[in-house]
Amino acid sequence: MKHLTLEEYREMVNSIMDIRNNTGEMPDYAKISNIKIPREDYCNMIERVNKFILEMGRCPRSVQIG
């Protein structure tokens, strides 16, 4: 499985939020480092990262795609 670094993950989330703020809708996919991530997968990634932060009290070093 492919992983994103924390910086790539943050860039992906910022891009998703920019689209959401401009269009009012979440994009069908996110594209980062030439990887196309479907909405279901990026939503799961965001949930996992938020859960990790709540449980561990810190950000993860990388985030698994999918």
PDB file of N, CA and C in Angstrom:
ATOM      1  N   MET A   1       0.835  -1.196   0.000  1.00  0.00           N
ATOM      2  CA  MET A   1       0.000   0.000   0.000  1.00  0.00           C
ATOM      3  C   MET A   1       0.874   1.252   0.000  1.00  0.00           C
ATOM      4  N   LYS A   2       0.384   2.260  -0.612  1.00  0.00           N
ATOM      5  CA  LYS A   2       1.071   3.547  -0.676  1.00  0.00           C
ATOM      6  C   LYS A   2       0.758   4.375   0.564  1.00  0.00           C
ATOM      7  N   HIS A   3       1.726   5.148   0.987  1.00  0.00           N
ATOM      8  CA  HIS A   3       1.567   6.040   2.129  1.00  0.00           C
ATOM      9  C   HIS A   3       1.811   7.474   1.697  1.00  0.00           C
ATOM     10  N   LEU A   4       1.194   8.400   2.404  1.00  0.00           N
ATOM     11  CA  LEU A   4       1.478   9.819   2.245  1.00  0.00           C
ATOM     12  C   LEU A   4       2.241  10.283   3.475  1.00  0.00           C
ATOM     13  N   THR A   5       3.190  11.176   3.264  1.00  0.00           N
ATOM     14  CA  THR A   5       3.845  11.797   4.411  1.00  0.00           C
ATOM     15  C   THR A   5       2.843  12.742   5.056  1.00  0.00           C
ATOM     16  N   LEU A   6       3.139  13.182   6.244  1.00  0.00           N
ATOM     17  CA  LEU A   6       2.253  14.115   6.931  1.00  0.00           C
ATOM     18  C   LEU A   6       2.090  15.396   6.102  1.00  0.00           C
ATOM     19  N   GLU A   7       3.161  15.853   5.478  1.00  0.00           N
ATOM     20  CA  GLU A   7       3.087  17.062   4.656  1.00  0.00           C
ATOM     21  C   GLU A   7       2.189  16.844   3.444  1.00  0.00           C
ATOM     22  N   GLU A   8       2.310  15.690   2.780  1.00  0.00           N
ATOM     23  CA  GLU A   8       1.450  15.384   1.639  1.00  0.00           C
ATOM     24  C   GLU A   8      -0.004  15.286   2.076  1.00  0.00           C
ATOM     25  N   TYR A   9      -0.229  14.658   3.220  1.00  0.00           N
ATOM     26  CA  TYR A   9      -1.591  14.526   3.756  1.00  0.00           C
ATOM     27  C   TYR A   9      -2.192  15.904   4.017  1.00  0.00           C
ATOM     28  N   ARG A  10      -1.437  16.777   4.648  1.00  0.00           N
ATOM     29  CA  ARG A  10      -1.935  18.127   4.938  1.00  0.00           C
ATOM     30  C   ARG A  10      -2.234  18.893   3.653  1.00  0.00           C
ATOM     31  N   GLU A  11      -1.380  18.720   2.647  1.00  0.00           N
ATOM     32  CA  GLU A  11      -1.601  19.363   1.355  1.00  0.00           C
ATOM     33  C   GLU A  11      -2.893  18.841   0.726  1.00  0.00           C
ATOM     34  N   MET A  12      -3.129  17.523   0.821  1.00  0.00           N
ATOM     35  CA  MET A  12      -4.344  16.922   0.277  1.00  0.00           C
ATOM     36  C   MET A  12      -5.574  17.496   0.975  1.00  0.00           C
ATOM     37  N   VAL A  13      -5.556  17.553   2.300  1.00  0.00           N
ATOM     38  CA  VAL A  13      -6.703  18.059   3.057  1.00  0.00           C
ATOM     39  C   VAL A  13      -6.951  19.532   2.731  1.00  0.00           C
ATOM     40  N   ASN A  14      -5.897  20.327   2.630  1.00  0.00           N
ATOM     41  CA  ASN A  14      -6.060  21.743   2.277  1.00  0.00           C
ATOM     42  C   ASN A  14      -6.697  21.889   0.901  1.00  0.00           C
ATOM     43  N   SER A  15      -6.279  21.062  -0.051  1.00  0.00           N
ATOM     44  CA  SER A  15      -6.847  21.097  -1.395  1.00  0.00           C
ATOM     45  C   SER A  15      -8.325  20.716  -1.362  1.00  0.00           C
ATOM     46  N   ILE A  16      -8.668  19.680  -0.617  1.00  0.00           N
ATOM     47  CA  ILE A  16     -10.062  19.252  -0.486  1.00  0.00           C
ATOM     48  C   ILE A  16     -10.899  20.366   0.126  1.00  0.00           C
ATOM     49  N   MET A  17     -10.388  21.005   1.161  1.00  0.00           N
ATOM     50  CA  MET A  17     -11.138  22.071   1.829  1.00  0.00           C
ATOM     51  C   MET A  17     -11.290  23.298   0.934  1.00  0.00           C
ATOM     52  N   ASP A  18     -10.274  23.618   0.130  1.00  0.00           N
ATOM     53  CA  ASP A  18     -10.390  24.732  -0.815  1.00  0.00           C
ATOM     54  C   ASP A  18     -11.524  24.475  -1.804  1.00  0.00           C
ATOM     55  N   ILE A  19     -11.578  23.256  -2.346  1.00  0.00           N
ATOM     56  CA  ILE A  19     -12.638  22.901  -3.288  1.00  0.00           C
ATOM     57  C   ILE A  19     -13.991  22.967  -2.590  1.00  0.00           C
ATOM     58  N   ARG A  20     -14.060  22.423  -1.382  1.00  0.00           N
ATOM     59  CA  ARG A  20     -15.315  22.416  -0.599  1.00  0.00           C
ATOM     60  C   ARG A  20     -15.798  23.841  -0.340  1.00  0.00           C
ATOM     61  N   ASN A  21     -14.875  24.730   0.014  1.00  0.00           N
ATOM     62  CA  ASN A  21     -15.244  26.118   0.300  1.00  0.00           C
ATOM     63  C   ASN A  21     -15.689  26.865  -0.952  1.00  0.00           C
ATOM     64  N   ASN A  22     -15.104  26.525  -2.107  1.00  0.00           N
ATOM     65  CA  ASN A  22     -15.443  27.213  -3.357  1.00  0.00           C
ATOM     66  C   ASN A  22     -16.713  26.684  -4.012  1.00  0.00           C
ATOM     67  N   THR A  23     -16.948  25.374  -3.921  1.00  0.00           N
ATOM     68  CA  THR A  23     -18.083  24.781  -4.628  1.00  0.00           C
ATOM     69  C   THR A  23     -19.227  24.380  -3.705  1.00  0.00           C
ATOM     70  N   GLY A  24     -18.939  24.235  -2.419  1.00  0.00           N
ATOM     71  CA  GLY A  24     -19.953  23.786  -1.482  1.00  0.00           C
ATOM     72  C   GLY A  24     -20.094  22.277  -1.433  1.00  0.00           C
ATOM     73  N   GLU A  25     -19.273  21.564  -2.208  1.00  0.00           N
ATOM     74  CA  GLU A  25     -19.332  20.101  -2.249  1.00  0.00           C
ATOM     75  C   GLU A  25     -17.936  19.515  -2.122  1.00  0.00           C
ATOM     76  N   MET A  26     -17.888  18.316  -1.562  1.00  0.00           N
ATOM     77  CA  MET A  26     -16.618  17.599  -1.481  1.00  0.00           C
ATOM     78  C   MET A  26     -16.279  17.069  -2.877  1.00  0.00           C
ATOM     79  N   PRO A  27     -15.013  17.108  -3.267  1.00  0.00           N
ATOM     80  CA  PRO A  27     -14.642  16.594  -4.591  1.00  0.00           C
ATOM     81  C   PRO A  27     -14.794  15.074  -4.661  1.00  0.00           C
ATOM     82  N   ASP A  28     -14.981  14.566  -5.875  1.00  0.00           N
ATOM     83  CA  ASP A  28     -15.116  13.123  -6.074  1.00  0.00           C
ATOM     84  C   ASP A  28     -13.818  12.387  -5.771  1.00  0.00           C
ATOM     85  N   TYR A  29     -12.711  13.085  -5.923  1.00  0.00           N
ATOM     86  CA  TYR A  29     -11.411  12.486  -5.626  1.00  0.00           C
ATOM     87  C   TYR A  29     -10.415  13.579  -5.265  1.00  0.00           C
ATOM     88  N   ALA A  30      -9.342  13.161  -4.608  1.00  0.00           N
ATOM     89  CA  ALA A  30      -8.224  14.067  -4.313  1.00  0.00           C
ATOM     90  C   ALA A  30      -7.028  13.569  -5.100  1.00  0.00           C
ATOM     91  N   LYS A  31      -6.203  14.477  -5.576  1.00  0.00           N
ATOM     92  CA  LYS A  31      -5.008  14.077  -6.318  1.00  0.00           C
ATOM     93  C   LYS A  31      -3.796  14.683  -5.635  1.00  0.00           C
ATOM     94  N   ILE A  32      -2.877  13.810  -5.253  1.00  0.00           N
ATOM     95  CA  ILE A  32      -1.647  14.239  -4.583  1.00  0.00           C
ATOM     96  C   ILE A  32      -0.523  13.319  -5.015  1.00  0.00           C
ATOM     97  N   SER A  33       0.622  13.882  -5.337  1.00  0.00           N
ATOM     98  CA  SER A  33       1.796  13.104  -5.763  1.00  0.00           C
ATOM     99  C   SER A  33       1.444  12.119  -6.874  1.00  0.00           C
ATOM    100  N   ASN A  34       0.675  12.584  -7.850  1.00  0.00           N
ATOM    101  CA  ASN A  34       0.245  11.763  -8.990  1.00  0.00           C
ATOM    102  C   ASN A  34      -0.579  10.547  -8.593  1.00  0.00           C
ATOM    103  N   ILE A  35      -1.228  10.598  -7.443  1.00  0.00           N
ATOM    104  CA  ILE A  35      -2.101   9.523  -6.975  1.00  0.00           C
ATOM    105  C   ILE A  35      -3.514  10.083  -6.885  1.00  0.00           C
ATOM    106  N   LYS A  36      -4.460   9.400  -7.488  1.00  0.00           N
ATOM    107  CA  LYS A  36      -5.860   9.804  -7.457  1.00  0.00           C
ATOM    108  C   LYS A  36      -6.548   8.998  -6.354  1.00  0.00           C
ATOM    109  N   ILE A  37      -7.086   9.690  -5.340  1.00  0.00           N
ATOM    110  CA  ILE A  37      -7.690   9.041  -4.176  1.00  0.00           C
ATOM    111  C   ILE A  37      -9.186   9.318  -4.183  1.00  0.00           C
ATOM    112  N   PRO A  38     -10.010   8.256  -4.314  1.00  0.00           N
ATOM    113  CA  PRO A  38     -11.474   8.444  -4.323  1.00  0.00           C
ATOM    114  C   PRO A  38     -11.978   9.028  -3.002  1.00  0.00           C
ATOM    115  N   ARG A  39     -13.155   9.664  -3.079  1.00  0.00           N
ATOM    116  CA  ARG A  39     -13.744  10.322  -1.907  1.00  0.00           C
ATOM    117  C   ARG A  39     -13.863   9.371  -0.712  1.00  0.00           C
ATOM    118  N   GLU A  40     -14.330   8.168  -0.926  1.00  0.00           N
ATOM    119  CA  GLU A  40     -14.488   7.220   0.185  1.00  0.00           C
ATOM    120  C   GLU A  40     -13.152   6.961   0.888  1.00  0.00           C
ATOM    121  N   ASP A  41     -12.086   6.817   0.095  1.00  0.00           N
ATOM    122  CA  ASP A  41     -10.772   6.551   0.683  1.00  0.00           C
ATOM    123  C   ASP A  41     -10.227   7.765   1.430  1.00  0.00           C
ATOM    124  N   TYR A  42     -10.354   8.976   0.843  1.00  0.00           N
ATOM    125  CA  TYR A  42      -9.803  10.128   1.562  1.00  0.00           C
ATOM    126  C   TYR A  42     -10.620  10.453   2.805  1.00  0.00           C
ATOM    127  N   CYS A  43     -11.926  10.183   2.778  1.00  0.00           N
ATOM    128  CA  CYS A  43     -12.734  10.376   3.990  1.00  0.00           C
ATOM    129  C   CYS A  43     -12.292   9.416   5.093  1.00  0.00           C
ATOM    130  N   ASN A  44     -12.036   8.162   4.721  1.00  0.00           N
ATOM    131  CA  ASN A  44     -11.532   7.180   5.694  1.00  0.00           C
ATOM    132  C   ASN A  44     -10.170   7.586   6.242  1.00  0.00           C
ATOM    133  N   MET A  45      -9.315   8.130   5.380  1.00  0.00           N
ATOM    134  CA  MET A  45      -8.002   8.579   5.831  1.00  0.00           C
ATOM    135  C   MET A  45      -8.146   9.697   6.867  1.00  0.00           C
ATOM    136  N   ILE A  46      -9.008  10.647   6.600  1.00  0.00           N
ATOM    137  CA  ILE A  46      -9.214  11.767   7.518  1.00  0.00           C
ATOM    138  C   ILE A  46      -9.739  11.262   8.858  1.00  0.00           C
ATOM    139  N   GLU A  47     -10.690  10.325   8.817  1.00  0.00           N
ATOM    140  CA  GLU A  47     -11.217   9.752  10.056  1.00  0.00           C
ATOM    141  C   GLU A  47     -10.124   9.036  10.847  1.00  0.00           C
ATOM    142  N   ARG A  48      -9.288   8.257  10.162  1.00  0.00           N
ATOM    143  CA  ARG A  48      -8.214   7.527  10.852  1.00  0.00           C
ATOM    144  C   ARG A  48      -7.201   8.475  11.487  1.00  0.00           C
ATOM    145  N   VAL A  49      -6.854   9.532  10.767  1.00  0.00           N
ATOM    146  CA  VAL A  49      -5.890  10.503  11.306  1.00  0.00           C
ATOM    147  C   VAL A  49      -6.480  11.208  12.525  1.00  0.00           C
ATOM    148  N   ASN A  50      -7.742  11.625  12.435  1.00  0.00           N
ATOM    149  CA  ASN A  50      -8.377  12.290  13.579  1.00  0.00           C
ATOM    150  C   ASN A  50      -8.430  11.361  14.789  1.00  0.00           C
ATOM    151  N   LYS A  51      -8.761  10.101  14.578  1.00  0.00           N
ATOM    152  CA  LYS A  51      -8.800   9.125  15.667  1.00  0.00           C
ATOM    153  C   LYS A  51      -7.405   8.939  16.264  1.00  0.00           C
ATOM    154  N   PHE A  52      -6.383   8.850  15.414  1.00  0.00           N
ATOM    155  CA  PHE A  52      -5.015   8.696  15.879  1.00  0.00           C
ATOM    156  C   PHE A  52      -4.610   9.876  16.762  1.00  0.00           C
ATOM    157  N   ILE A  53      -4.925  11.083  16.313  1.00  0.00           N
ATOM    158  CA  ILE A  53      -4.572  12.278  17.080  1.00  0.00           C
ATOM    159  C   ILE A  53      -5.262  12.269  18.439  1.00  0.00           C
ATOM    160  N   LEU A  54      -6.543  11.902  18.470  1.00  0.00           N
ATOM    161  CA  LEU A  54      -7.271  11.859  19.740  1.00  0.00           C
ATOM    162  C   LEU A  54      -6.708  10.808  20.692  1.00  0.00           C
ATOM    163  N   GLU A  55      -6.343   9.646  20.150  1.00  0.00           N
ATOM    164  CA  GLU A  55      -5.857   8.560  20.996  1.00  0.00           C
ATOM    165  C   GLU A  55      -4.398   8.720  21.405  1.00  0.00           C
ATOM    166  N   MET A  56      -3.566   9.210  20.484  1.00  0.00           N
ATOM    167  CA  MET A  56      -2.122   9.263  20.740  1.00  0.00           C
ATOM    168  C   MET A  56      -1.630  10.651  21.161  1.00  0.00           C
ATOM    169  N   GLY A  57      -2.433  11.670  20.902  1.00  0.00           N
ATOM    170  CA  GLY A  57      -2.047  13.015  21.284  1.00  0.00           C
ATOM    171  C   GLY A  57      -1.003  13.637  20.375  1.00  0.00           C
ATOM    172  N   ARG A  58      -0.830  13.076  19.202  1.00  0.00           N
ATOM    173  CA  ARG A  58       0.127  13.627  18.232  1.00  0.00           C
ATOM    174  C   ARG A  58      -0.316  13.240  16.830  1.00  0.00           C
ATOM    175  N   CYS A  59       0.296  13.866  15.834  1.00  0.00           N
ATOM    176  CA  CYS A  59       0.005  13.529  14.445  1.00  0.00           C
ATOM    177  C   CYS A  59       0.817  12.298  14.027  1.00  0.00           C
ATOM    178  N   PRO A  60       0.284  11.503  13.105  1.00  0.00           N
ATOM    179  CA  PRO A  60       1.059  10.371  12.603  1.00  0.00           C
ATOM    180  C   PRO A  60       2.179  10.870  11.680  1.00  0.00           C
ATOM    181  N   ARG A  61       3.205  10.059  11.509  1.00  0.00           N
ATOM    182  CA  ARG A  61       4.311  10.425  10.621  1.00  0.00           C
ATOM    183  C   ARG A  61       3.938  10.215   9.149  1.00  0.00           C
ATOM    184  N   SER A  62       3.067   9.223   8.900  1.00  0.00           N
ATOM    185  CA  SER A  62       2.587   8.956   7.554  1.00  0.00           C
ATOM    186  C   SER A  62       1.165   8.424   7.640  1.00  0.00           C
ATOM    187  N   VAL A  63       0.469   8.455   6.480  1.00  0.00           N
ATOM    188  CA  VAL A  63      -0.923   8.025   6.432  1.00  0.00           C
ATOM    189  C   VAL A  63      -1.067   7.038   5.274  1.00  0.00           C
ATOM    190  N   GLN A  64      -1.588   5.856   5.590  1.00  0.00           N
ATOM    191  CA  GLN A  64      -1.795   4.837   4.564  1.00  0.00           C
ATOM    192  C   GLN A  64      -2.994   5.204   3.712  1.00  0.00           C
ATOM    193  N   ILE A  65      -2.853   5.053   2.395  1.00  0.00           N
ATOM    194  CA  ILE A  65      -3.945   5.324   1.464  1.00  0.00           C
ATOM    195  C   ILE A  65      -4.816   4.081   1.386  1.00  0.00           C
ATOM    196  N   GLY A  66      -6.113   4.290   1.454  1.00  0.00           N
ATOM    197  CA  GLY A  66      -7.033   3.165   1.303  1.00  0.00           C
ATOM    198  C   GLY A  66      -7.483   2.568   2.610  1.00  0.00           C
TER     199      GLY A  66
END
